[in-house]
Protein backbone atom coordinates (compact mmCIF):
# COMPACT_ATOMS: atom_id res chain seq x y z
CA UNK A 1 0.00 0.00 0.00
CA UNK A 2 2.79 2.41 0.91
CA UNK A 3 4.88 1.61 -2.15
CA UNK A 4 1.86 1.81 -4.46
CA UNK A 5 0.79 5.13 -2.95
CA UNK A 6 4.32 6.47 -3.22
CA UNK A 7 4.46 5.53 -6.91
CA UNK A 8 1.08 7.15 -7.59
CA UNK A 9 2.05 10.34 -5.74
CA UNK A 10 5.42 10.45 -7.51
CA UNK A 11 3.86 9.93 -10.92
CA UNK A 12 1.29 12.65 -10.42
CA UNK A 13 3.59 15.26 -8.95
CA UNK A 14 6.80 14.44 -10.77
CA UNK A 15 5.42 13.91 -14.24
CA UNK A 16 1.77 14.96 -14.72
CA UNK A 17 1.42 18.27 -12.88
CA UNK A 18 4.46 20.01 -14.46
CA UNK A 19 2.81 19.72 -17.91
CA UNK A 20 -0.81 19.91 -16.77
CA UNK A 21 -1.42 16.35 -17.93
CA UNK A 22 -4.48 14.48 -16.77
CA UNK A 23 -5.02 11.03 -15.41
CA UNK A 24 -8.45 9.51 -15.52
CA UNK A 25 -10.90 8.63 -12.82
CA UNK A 26 -11.11 10.44 -9.53
CA UNK A 27 -7.44 11.41 -9.72
CA UNK A 28 -8.15 13.08 -13.08
CA UNK A 29 -11.11 14.97 -11.65
CA UNK A 30 -8.94 16.06 -8.70
CA UNK A 31 -6.24 17.25 -11.12
CA UNK A 32 -8.80 19.27 -13.11
CA UNK A 33 -9.87 20.98 -9.86
CA UNK A 34 -6.20 21.49 -8.95
CA UNK A 35 -5.42 23.13 -12.30
CA UNK A 36 -8.48 25.39 -12.27
CA UNK A 37 -8.70 26.37 -8.62
CA UNK A 38 -5.20 25.60 -7.28
CA UNK A 39 -6.64 23.34 -4.58
CA UNK A 40 -4.87 20.33 -3.15
CA UNK A 41 -5.18 17.39 -5.56
CA UNK A 42 -4.86 14.78 -2.80
CA UNK A 43 -7.55 16.39 -0.68
CA UNK A 44 -9.88 16.69 -3.70
CA UNK A 45 -9.27 13.02 -4.51
CA UNK A 46 -10.19 12.08 -0.94
CA UNK A 47 -13.42 14.12 -0.96
CA UNK A 48 -14.49 12.91 -4.41
CA UNK A 49 -13.89 9.26 -3.44
CA UNK A 50 -16.10 9.27 -0.35
CA UNK A 51 -19.34 8.34 -2.22
CA UNK A 52 -17.59 5.36 -3.84
CA UNK A 53 -16.21 4.29 -0.46
CA UNK A 54 -19.70 4.41 1.02
CA UNK A 55 -20.94 2.23 -1.86
CA UNK A 56 -18.07 -0.19 -1.32
CA UNK A 57 -18.85 -0.36 2.40
CA UNK A 58 -22.30 -1.73 1.59
CA UNK A 59 -20.85 -4.34 -0.81
CA UNK A 60 -17.72 -5.66 0.89
CA UNK A 61 -16.67 -4.16 4.21
CA UNK A 62 -13.26 -5.84 4.41
CA UNK A 63 -12.19 -4.63 0.95
CA UNK A 64 -13.70 -1.18 1.50
CA UNK A 65 -11.73 -0.84 4.72
CA UNK A 66 -8.39 -1.57 3.04
CA UNK A 67 -9.33 0.63 0.08
CA UNK A 68 -10.25 3.47 2.43
CA UNK A 69 -6.80 3.12 4.02
CA UNK A 70 -5.30 3.10 0.52
CA UNK A 71 -7.26 6.25 -0.31
CA UNK A 72 -6.06 7.99 2.86
CA UNK A 73 -2.43 7.07 2.26
CA UNK A 74 -2.55 7.87 -1.48
CA UNK A 75 -4.23 11.23 -0.89
CA UNK A 76 -1.67 12.14 1.76
CA UNK A 77 1.19 10.93 -0.45
CA UNK A 78 -0.03 13.04 -3.40
CA UNK A 79 -0.02 16.15 -1.24
CA UNK A 80 3.18 15.25 0.61
CA UNK A 81 5.12 14.71 -2.63
CA UNK A 82 4.13 18.09 -4.09
CA UNK A 83 7.81 19.24 -4.07
CA UNK A 84 8.47 16.73 -6.89
CA UNK A 85 6.60 19.06 -9.26
CA UNK A 86 9.82 20.97 -9.88
CA UNK A 87 12.31 18.12 -9.48
CA UNK A 88 11.92 15.97 -12.61
CA UNK A 89 12.12 18.35 -15.53
CA UNK A 90 12.03 15.99 -18.51
CA UNK A 91 10.39 16.56 -21.91
CA UNK A 92 6.62 16.13 -22.02
CA UNK A 93 6.81 12.82 -23.96
CA UNK A 94 9.08 11.25 -21.34
CA UNK A 95 7.00 12.79 -18.59
CA UNK A 96 3.84 11.08 -19.87
CA UNK A 97 5.69 7.75 -20.21
CA UNK A 98 7.31 7.90 -16.76
CA UNK A 99 4.09 9.15 -15.20
CA UNK A 100 2.16 6.27 -16.74
CA UNK A 101 4.73 3.76 -15.50
CA UNK A 102 4.68 5.11 -11.94
CA UNK A 103 0.92 5.51 -11.64
CA UNK A 104 0.08 2.22 -13.37
CA UNK A 105 2.61 0.24 -11.33
CA UNK A 106 1.38 1.87 -8.12
CA UNK A 107 -2.28 1.11 -8.82
CA UNK A 108 -1.43 -2.41 -10.00
CA UNK A 109 0.54 -3.14 -6.83
CA UNK A 110 -2.28 -1.87 -4.67
CA UNK A 111 -4.82 -4.01 -6.54
CA UNK A 112 -2.48 -7.02 -6.26
CA UNK A 113 -2.46 -6.73 -2.48
CA UNK A 114 -6.19 -6.21 -2.04
CA UNK A 115 -6.44 -2.46 -1.79
CA UNK A 116 -6.87 0.52 -4.10
CA UNK A 117 -6.69 4.29 -4.18
CA UNK A 118 -10.45 4.37 -3.73
CA UNK A 119 -12.19 6.18 -6.54
CA UNK A 120 -12.71 4.47 -9.86
CA UNK A 121 -10.22 1.70 -8.96
CA UNK A 122 -12.75 0.60 -6.37
CA UNK A 123 -15.58 0.85 -8.89
CA UNK A 124 -13.56 -1.07 -11.51
CA UNK A 125 -12.92 -3.88 -9.04
CA UNK A 126 -16.66 -4.37 -8.52
CA UNK A 127 -17.50 -4.02 -12.20
CA UNK A 128 -14.83 -6.59 -13.09
CA UNK A 129 -16.46 -9.10 -10.76
CA UNK A 130 -19.98 -8.35 -12.00
CA UNK A 131 -19.13 -8.55 -15.70
CA UNK A 132 -16.10 -10.90 -15.68
CA UNK A 133 -13.90 -8.23 -17.24
CA UNK A 134 -10.31 -7.34 -16.51
CA UNK A 135 -10.14 -4.53 -13.92
CA UNK A 136 -7.24 -2.87 -15.79
CA UNK A 137 -9.39 -2.64 -18.94
CA UNK A 138 -12.24 -1.08 -16.96
CA UNK A 139 -9.85 1.42 -15.36
CA UNK A 140 -8.46 2.25 -18.81
CA UNK A 141 -11.97 2.88 -20.20
CA UNK A 142 -13.04 5.01 -17.23
CA UNK A 143 -9.79 6.97 -17.46
CA UNK A 144 -10.31 7.59 -21.18
CA UNK A 145 -13.82 8.93 -20.49
CA UNK A 146 -12.58 11.32 -17.80
CA UNK A 147 -9.66 12.61 -19.88
CA UNK A 148 -11.88 13.08 -22.91
CA UNK A 149 -14.36 15.01 -20.78
CA UNK A 150 -11.51 17.00 -19.21
CA UNK A 151 -9.97 17.79 -22.60
CA UNK A 152 -11.60 21.22 -22.48
CA UNK A 153 -8.97 22.13 -19.88
CA UNK A 154 -6.07 20.94 -22.05
CA UNK A 155 -4.39 22.04 -25.23
CA UNK A 156 -4.06 19.45 -28.01
CA UNK A 157 -0.53 18.46 -27.01
CA UNK A 158 -1.44 17.91 -23.36
CA UNK A 159 -4.51 15.91 -24.39
CA UNK A 160 -2.47 13.57 -26.62
CA UNK A 161 0.20 13.04 -23.98
CA UNK A 162 -2.48 12.47 -21.33
CA UNK A 163 -3.93 9.75 -23.56
CA UNK A 164 -0.46 8.21 -23.95
CA UNK A 165 0.02 8.32 -20.18
CA UNK A 166 -3.31 6.57 -19.60
CA UNK A 167 -2.46 3.85 -22.11
CA UNK A 168 0.86 3.19 -20.38
CA UNK A 169 -0.74 3.34 -16.92
CA UNK A 170 -3.37 0.81 -18.04
CA UNK A 171 -0.68 -1.48 -19.39
CA UNK A 172 1.36 -1.22 -16.19
CA UNK A 173 -1.73 -1.85 -14.05
CA UNK A 174 -2.41 -4.96 -16.11
CA UNK A 175 1.19 -6.16 -15.66
CA UNK A 176 1.31 -5.54 -11.90
CA UNK A 177 -2.14 -6.62 -10.80
CA UNK A 178 -3.10 -10.27 -10.20
CA UNK A 179 -5.11 -12.24 -12.72
CA UNK A 180 -8.16 -12.28 -10.44
CA UNK A 181 -8.96 -9.46 -8.03
C-alpha atoms as a PDB file:
ATOM      1  CA  UNK A   1       0.000   0.000   0.000  1.00  0.00           C
ATOM      2  CA  UNK A   2       2.791   2.414   0.911  1.00  0.00           C
ATOM      3  CA  UNK A   3       4.883   1.606  -2.154  1.00  0.00           C
ATOM      4  CA  UNK A   4       1.865   1.811  -4.462  1.00  0.00           C
ATOM      5  CA  UNK A   5       0.787   5.128  -2.947  1.00  0.00           C
ATOM      6  CA  UNK A   6       4.324   6.466  -3.216  1.00  0.00           C
ATOM      7  CA  UNK A   7       4.458   5.525  -6.909  1.00  0.00           C
ATOM      8  CA  UNK A   8       1.078   7.146  -7.592  1.00  0.00           C
ATOM      9  CA  UNK A   9       2.055  10.339  -5.741  1.00  0.00           C
ATOM     10  CA  UNK A  10       5.420  10.447  -7.511  1.00  0.00           C
ATOM     11  CA  UNK A  11       3.859   9.926 -10.922  1.00  0.00           C
ATOM     12  CA  UNK A  12       1.286  12.649 -10.425  1.00  0.00           C
ATOM     13  CA  UNK A  13       3.593  15.263  -8.952  1.00  0.00           C
ATOM     14  CA  UNK A  14       6.797  14.436 -10.774  1.00  0.00           C
ATOM     15  CA  UNK A  15       5.420  13.911 -14.244  1.00  0.00           C
ATOM     16  CA  UNK A  16       1.774  14.958 -14.725  1.00  0.00           C
ATOM     17  CA  UNK A  17       1.421  18.267 -12.878  1.00  0.00           C
ATOM     18  CA  UNK A  18       4.459  20.010 -14.459  1.00  0.00           C
ATOM     19  CA  UNK A  19       2.814  19.720 -17.905  1.00  0.00           C
ATOM     20  CA  UNK A  20      -0.809  19.906 -16.765  1.00  0.00           C
ATOM     21  CA  UNK A  21      -1.418  16.347 -17.927  1.00  0.00           C
ATOM     22  CA  UNK A  22      -4.485  14.479 -16.767  1.00  0.00           C
ATOM     23  CA  UNK A  23      -5.021  11.034 -15.410  1.00  0.00           C
ATOM     24  CA  UNK A  24      -8.447   9.505 -15.524  1.00  0.00           C
ATOM     25  CA  UNK A  25     -10.900   8.631 -12.816  1.00  0.00           C
ATOM     26  CA  UNK A  26     -11.114  10.444  -9.527  1.00  0.00           C
ATOM     27  CA  UNK A  27      -7.439  11.407  -9.725  1.00  0.00           C
ATOM     28  CA  UNK A  28      -8.147  13.077 -13.084  1.00  0.00           C
ATOM     29  CA  UNK A  29     -11.106  14.971 -11.647  1.00  0.00           C
ATOM     30  CA  UNK A  30      -8.941  16.058  -8.702  1.00  0.00           C
ATOM     31  CA  UNK A  31      -6.244  17.252 -11.124  1.00  0.00           C
ATOM     32  CA  UNK A  32      -8.797  19.270 -13.107  1.00  0.00           C
ATOM     33  CA  UNK A  33      -9.865  20.983  -9.859  1.00  0.00           C
ATOM     34  CA  UNK A  34      -6.201  21.486  -8.952  1.00  0.00           C
ATOM     35  CA  UNK A  35      -5.417  23.127 -12.300  1.00  0.00           C
ATOM     36  CA  UNK A  36      -8.477  25.389 -12.273  1.00  0.00           C
ATOM     37  CA  UNK A  37      -8.700  26.369  -8.618  1.00  0.00           C
ATOM     38  CA  UNK A  38      -5.195  25.598  -7.278  1.00  0.00           C
ATOM     39  CA  UNK A  39      -6.638  23.339  -4.581  1.00  0.00           C
ATOM     40  CA  UNK A  40      -4.870  20.331  -3.150  1.00  0.00           C
ATOM     41  CA  UNK A  41      -5.175  17.387  -5.561  1.00  0.00           C
ATOM     42  CA  UNK A  42      -4.857  14.783  -2.796  1.00  0.00           C
ATOM     43  CA  UNK A  43      -7.551  16.391  -0.680  1.00  0.00           C
ATOM     44  CA  UNK A  44      -9.877  16.685  -3.697  1.00  0.00           C
ATOM     45  CA  UNK A  45      -9.265  13.024  -4.514  1.00  0.00           C
ATOM     46  CA  UNK A  46     -10.194  12.083  -0.943  1.00  0.00           C
ATOM     47  CA  UNK A  47     -13.420  14.118  -0.957  1.00  0.00           C
ATOM     48  CA  UNK A  48     -14.491  12.913  -4.413  1.00  0.00           C
ATOM     49  CA  UNK A  49     -13.891   9.262  -3.437  1.00  0.00           C
ATOM     50  CA  UNK A  50     -16.097   9.269  -0.347  1.00  0.00           C
ATOM     51  CA  UNK A  51     -19.339   8.336  -2.221  1.00  0.00           C
ATOM     52  CA  UNK A  52     -17.594   5.360  -3.842  1.00  0.00           C
ATOM     53  CA  UNK A  53     -16.206   4.290  -0.465  1.00  0.00           C
ATOM     54  CA  UNK A  54     -19.698   4.412   1.016  1.00  0.00           C
ATOM     55  CA  UNK A  55     -20.944   2.231  -1.860  1.00  0.00           C
ATOM     56  CA  UNK A  56     -18.067  -0.192  -1.317  1.00  0.00           C
ATOM     57  CA  UNK A  57     -18.847  -0.362   2.402  1.00  0.00           C
ATOM     58  CA  UNK A  58     -22.295  -1.734   1.589  1.00  0.00           C
ATOM     59  CA  UNK A  59     -20.854  -4.344  -0.807  1.00  0.00           C
ATOM     60  CA  UNK A  60     -17.717  -5.662   0.893  1.00  0.00           C
ATOM     61  CA  UNK A  61     -16.669  -4.162   4.209  1.00  0.00           C
ATOM     62  CA  UNK A  62     -13.256  -5.835   4.410  1.00  0.00           C
ATOM     63  CA  UNK A  63     -12.188  -4.634   0.953  1.00  0.00           C
ATOM     64  CA  UNK A  64     -13.699  -1.185   1.496  1.00  0.00           C
ATOM     65  CA  UNK A  65     -11.728  -0.839   4.721  1.00  0.00           C
ATOM     66  CA  UNK A  66      -8.392  -1.575   3.036  1.00  0.00           C
ATOM     67  CA  UNK A  67      -9.325   0.632   0.083  1.00  0.00           C
ATOM     68  CA  UNK A  68     -10.246   3.471   2.430  1.00  0.00           C
ATOM     69  CA  UNK A  69      -6.803   3.124   4.016  1.00  0.00           C
ATOM     70  CA  UNK A  70      -5.297   3.097   0.515  1.00  0.00           C
ATOM     71  CA  UNK A  71      -7.261   6.247  -0.305  1.00  0.00           C
ATOM     72  CA  UNK A  72      -6.057   7.990   2.863  1.00  0.00           C
ATOM     73  CA  UNK A  73      -2.426   7.072   2.259  1.00  0.00           C
ATOM     74  CA  UNK A  74      -2.550   7.872  -1.480  1.00  0.00           C
ATOM     75  CA  UNK A  75      -4.232  11.232  -0.894  1.00  0.00           C
ATOM     76  CA  UNK A  76      -1.674  12.144   1.757  1.00  0.00           C
ATOM     77  CA  UNK A  77       1.194  10.928  -0.446  1.00  0.00           C
ATOM     78  CA  UNK A  78      -0.027  13.038  -3.396  1.00  0.00           C
ATOM     79  CA  UNK A  79      -0.024  16.152  -1.238  1.00  0.00           C
ATOM     80  CA  UNK A  80       3.184  15.246   0.612  1.00  0.00           C
ATOM     81  CA  UNK A  81       5.115  14.710  -2.631  1.00  0.00           C
ATOM     82  CA  UNK A  82       4.131  18.085  -4.091  1.00  0.00           C
ATOM     83  CA  UNK A  83       7.807  19.238  -4.070  1.00  0.00           C
ATOM     84  CA  UNK A  84       8.469  16.732  -6.893  1.00  0.00           C
ATOM     85  CA  UNK A  85       6.603  19.063  -9.256  1.00  0.00           C
ATOM     86  CA  UNK A  86       9.822  20.971  -9.884  1.00  0.00           C
ATOM     87  CA  UNK A  87      12.307  18.119  -9.477  1.00  0.00           C
ATOM     88  CA  UNK A  88      11.920  15.973 -12.609  1.00  0.00           C
ATOM     89  CA  UNK A  89      12.122  18.350 -15.526  1.00  0.00           C
ATOM     90  CA  UNK A  90      12.033  15.991 -18.515  1.00  0.00           C
ATOM     91  CA  UNK A  91      10.389  16.563 -21.910  1.00  0.00           C
ATOM     92  CA  UNK A  92       6.619  16.131 -22.024  1.00  0.00           C
ATOM     93  CA  UNK A  93       6.814  12.822 -23.957  1.00  0.00           C
ATOM     94  CA  UNK A  94       9.076  11.253 -21.343  1.00  0.00           C
ATOM     95  CA  UNK A  95       7.001  12.794 -18.593  1.00  0.00           C
ATOM     96  CA  UNK A  96       3.841  11.084 -19.872  1.00  0.00           C
ATOM     97  CA  UNK A  97       5.692   7.751 -20.207  1.00  0.00           C
ATOM     98  CA  UNK A  98       7.308   7.905 -16.761  1.00  0.00           C
ATOM     99  CA  UNK A  99       4.089   9.150 -15.196  1.00  0.00           C
ATOM    100  CA  UNK A 100       2.156   6.267 -16.741  1.00  0.00           C
ATOM    101  CA  UNK A 101       4.729   3.763 -15.503  1.00  0.00           C
ATOM    102  CA  UNK A 102       4.680   5.115 -11.942  1.00  0.00           C
ATOM    103  CA  UNK A 103       0.924   5.507 -11.642  1.00  0.00           C
ATOM    104  CA  UNK A 104       0.079   2.219 -13.367  1.00  0.00           C
ATOM    105  CA  UNK A 105       2.615   0.243 -11.332  1.00  0.00           C
ATOM    106  CA  UNK A 106       1.376   1.865  -8.122  1.00  0.00           C
ATOM    107  CA  UNK A 107      -2.279   1.109  -8.823  1.00  0.00           C
ATOM    108  CA  UNK A 108      -1.427  -2.406  -9.999  1.00  0.00           C
ATOM    109  CA  UNK A 109       0.544  -3.135  -6.827  1.00  0.00           C
ATOM    110  CA  UNK A 110      -2.283  -1.866  -4.674  1.00  0.00           C
ATOM    111  CA  UNK A 111      -4.819  -4.006  -6.541  1.00  0.00           C
ATOM    112  CA  UNK A 112      -2.483  -7.019  -6.260  1.00  0.00           C
ATOM    113  CA  UNK A 113      -2.461  -6.728  -2.476  1.00  0.00           C
ATOM    114  CA  UNK A 114      -6.188  -6.212  -2.042  1.00  0.00           C
ATOM    115  CA  UNK A 115      -6.443  -2.458  -1.790  1.00  0.00           C
ATOM    116  CA  UNK A 116      -6.870   0.519  -4.100  1.00  0.00           C
ATOM    117  CA  UNK A 117      -6.690   4.295  -4.180  1.00  0.00           C
ATOM    118  CA  UNK A 118     -10.451   4.372  -3.729  1.00  0.00           C
ATOM    119  CA  UNK A 119     -12.193   6.182  -6.542  1.00  0.00           C
ATOM    120  CA  UNK A 120     -12.705   4.473  -9.864  1.00  0.00           C
ATOM    121  CA  UNK A 121     -10.222   1.698  -8.961  1.00  0.00           C
ATOM    122  CA  UNK A 122     -12.749   0.601  -6.373  1.00  0.00           C
ATOM    123  CA  UNK A 123     -15.579   0.853  -8.894  1.00  0.00           C
ATOM    124  CA  UNK A 124     -13.557  -1.066 -11.510  1.00  0.00           C
ATOM    125  CA  UNK A 125     -12.923  -3.877  -9.036  1.00  0.00           C
ATOM    126  CA  UNK A 126     -16.661  -4.375  -8.516  1.00  0.00           C
ATOM    127  CA  UNK A 127     -17.500  -4.018 -12.204  1.00  0.00           C
ATOM    128  CA  UNK A 128     -14.826  -6.585 -13.093  1.00  0.00           C
ATOM    129  CA  UNK A 129     -16.458  -9.103 -10.765  1.00  0.00           C
ATOM    130  CA  UNK A 130     -19.982  -8.349 -11.996  1.00  0.00           C
ATOM    131  CA  UNK A 131     -19.129  -8.553 -15.702  1.00  0.00           C
ATOM    132  CA  UNK A 132     -16.104 -10.896 -15.680  1.00  0.00           C
ATOM    133  CA  UNK A 133     -13.898  -8.231 -17.243  1.00  0.00           C
ATOM    134  CA  UNK A 134     -10.307  -7.342 -16.507  1.00  0.00           C
ATOM    135  CA  UNK A 135     -10.136  -4.531 -13.920  1.00  0.00           C
ATOM    136  CA  UNK A 136      -7.236  -2.873 -15.788  1.00  0.00           C
ATOM    137  CA  UNK A 137      -9.388  -2.641 -18.936  1.00  0.00           C
ATOM    138  CA  UNK A 138     -12.241  -1.075 -16.960  1.00  0.00           C
ATOM    139  CA  UNK A 139      -9.848   1.422 -15.355  1.00  0.00           C
ATOM    140  CA  UNK A 140      -8.460   2.252 -18.809  1.00  0.00           C
ATOM    141  CA  UNK A 141     -11.967   2.876 -20.198  1.00  0.00           C
ATOM    142  CA  UNK A 142     -13.041   5.008 -17.227  1.00  0.00           C
ATOM    143  CA  UNK A 143      -9.786   6.973 -17.463  1.00  0.00           C
ATOM    144  CA  UNK A 144     -10.313   7.592 -21.177  1.00  0.00           C
ATOM    145  CA  UNK A 145     -13.815   8.925 -20.494  1.00  0.00           C
ATOM    146  CA  UNK A 146     -12.583  11.319 -17.796  1.00  0.00           C
ATOM    147  CA  UNK A 147      -9.656  12.612 -19.875  1.00  0.00           C
ATOM    148  CA  UNK A 148     -11.877  13.085 -22.908  1.00  0.00           C
ATOM    149  CA  UNK A 149     -14.363  15.012 -20.777  1.00  0.00           C
ATOM    150  CA  UNK A 150     -11.511  17.003 -19.213  1.00  0.00           C
ATOM    151  CA  UNK A 151      -9.968  17.786 -22.595  1.00  0.00           C
ATOM    152  CA  UNK A 152     -11.602  21.220 -22.482  1.00  0.00           C
ATOM    153  CA  UNK A 153      -8.966  22.131 -19.880  1.00  0.00           C
ATOM    154  CA  UNK A 154      -6.073  20.938 -22.052  1.00  0.00           C
ATOM    155  CA  UNK A 155      -4.388  22.041 -25.228  1.00  0.00           C
ATOM    156  CA  UNK A 156      -4.060  19.450 -28.012  1.00  0.00           C
ATOM    157  CA  UNK A 157      -0.527  18.461 -27.009  1.00  0.00           C
ATOM    158  CA  UNK A 158      -1.439  17.907 -23.357  1.00  0.00           C
ATOM    159  CA  UNK A 159      -4.507  15.912 -24.392  1.00  0.00           C
ATOM    160  CA  UNK A 160      -2.471  13.574 -26.624  1.00  0.00           C
ATOM    161  CA  UNK A 161       0.196  13.042 -23.980  1.00  0.00           C
ATOM    162  CA  UNK A 162      -2.476  12.475 -21.328  1.00  0.00           C
ATOM    163  CA  UNK A 163      -3.927   9.747 -23.555  1.00  0.00           C
ATOM    164  CA  UNK A 164      -0.455   8.208 -23.954  1.00  0.00           C
ATOM    165  CA  UNK A 165       0.020   8.320 -20.184  1.00  0.00           C
ATOM    166  CA  UNK A 166      -3.315   6.572 -19.602  1.00  0.00           C
ATOM    167  CA  UNK A 167      -2.461   3.852 -22.113  1.00  0.00           C
ATOM    168  CA  UNK A 168       0.862   3.194 -20.376  1.00  0.00           C
ATOM    169  CA  UNK A 169      -0.736   3.337 -16.919  1.00  0.00           C
ATOM    170  CA  UNK A 170      -3.368   0.813 -18.041  1.00  0.00           C
ATOM    171  CA  UNK A 171      -0.676  -1.483 -19.387  1.00  0.00           C
ATOM    172  CA  UNK A 172       1.362  -1.218 -16.186  1.00  0.00           C
ATOM    173  CA  UNK A 173      -1.728  -1.846 -14.050  1.00  0.00           C
ATOM    174  CA  UNK A 174      -2.407  -4.956 -16.112  1.00  0.00           C
ATOM    175  CA  UNK A 175       1.189  -6.163 -15.664  1.00  0.00           C
ATOM    176  CA  UNK A 176       1.312  -5.540 -11.903  1.00  0.00           C
ATOM    177  CA  UNK A 177      -2.144  -6.623 -10.802  1.00  0.00           C
ATOM    178  CA  UNK A 178      -3.098 -10.266 -10.196  1.00  0.00           C
ATOM    179  CA  UNK A 179      -5.108 -12.242 -12.719  1.00  0.00           C
ATOM    180  CA  UNK A 180      -8.162 -12.282 -10.441  1.00  0.00           C
ATOM    181  CA  UNK A 181      -8.963  -9.457  -8.031  1.00  0.00           C
END
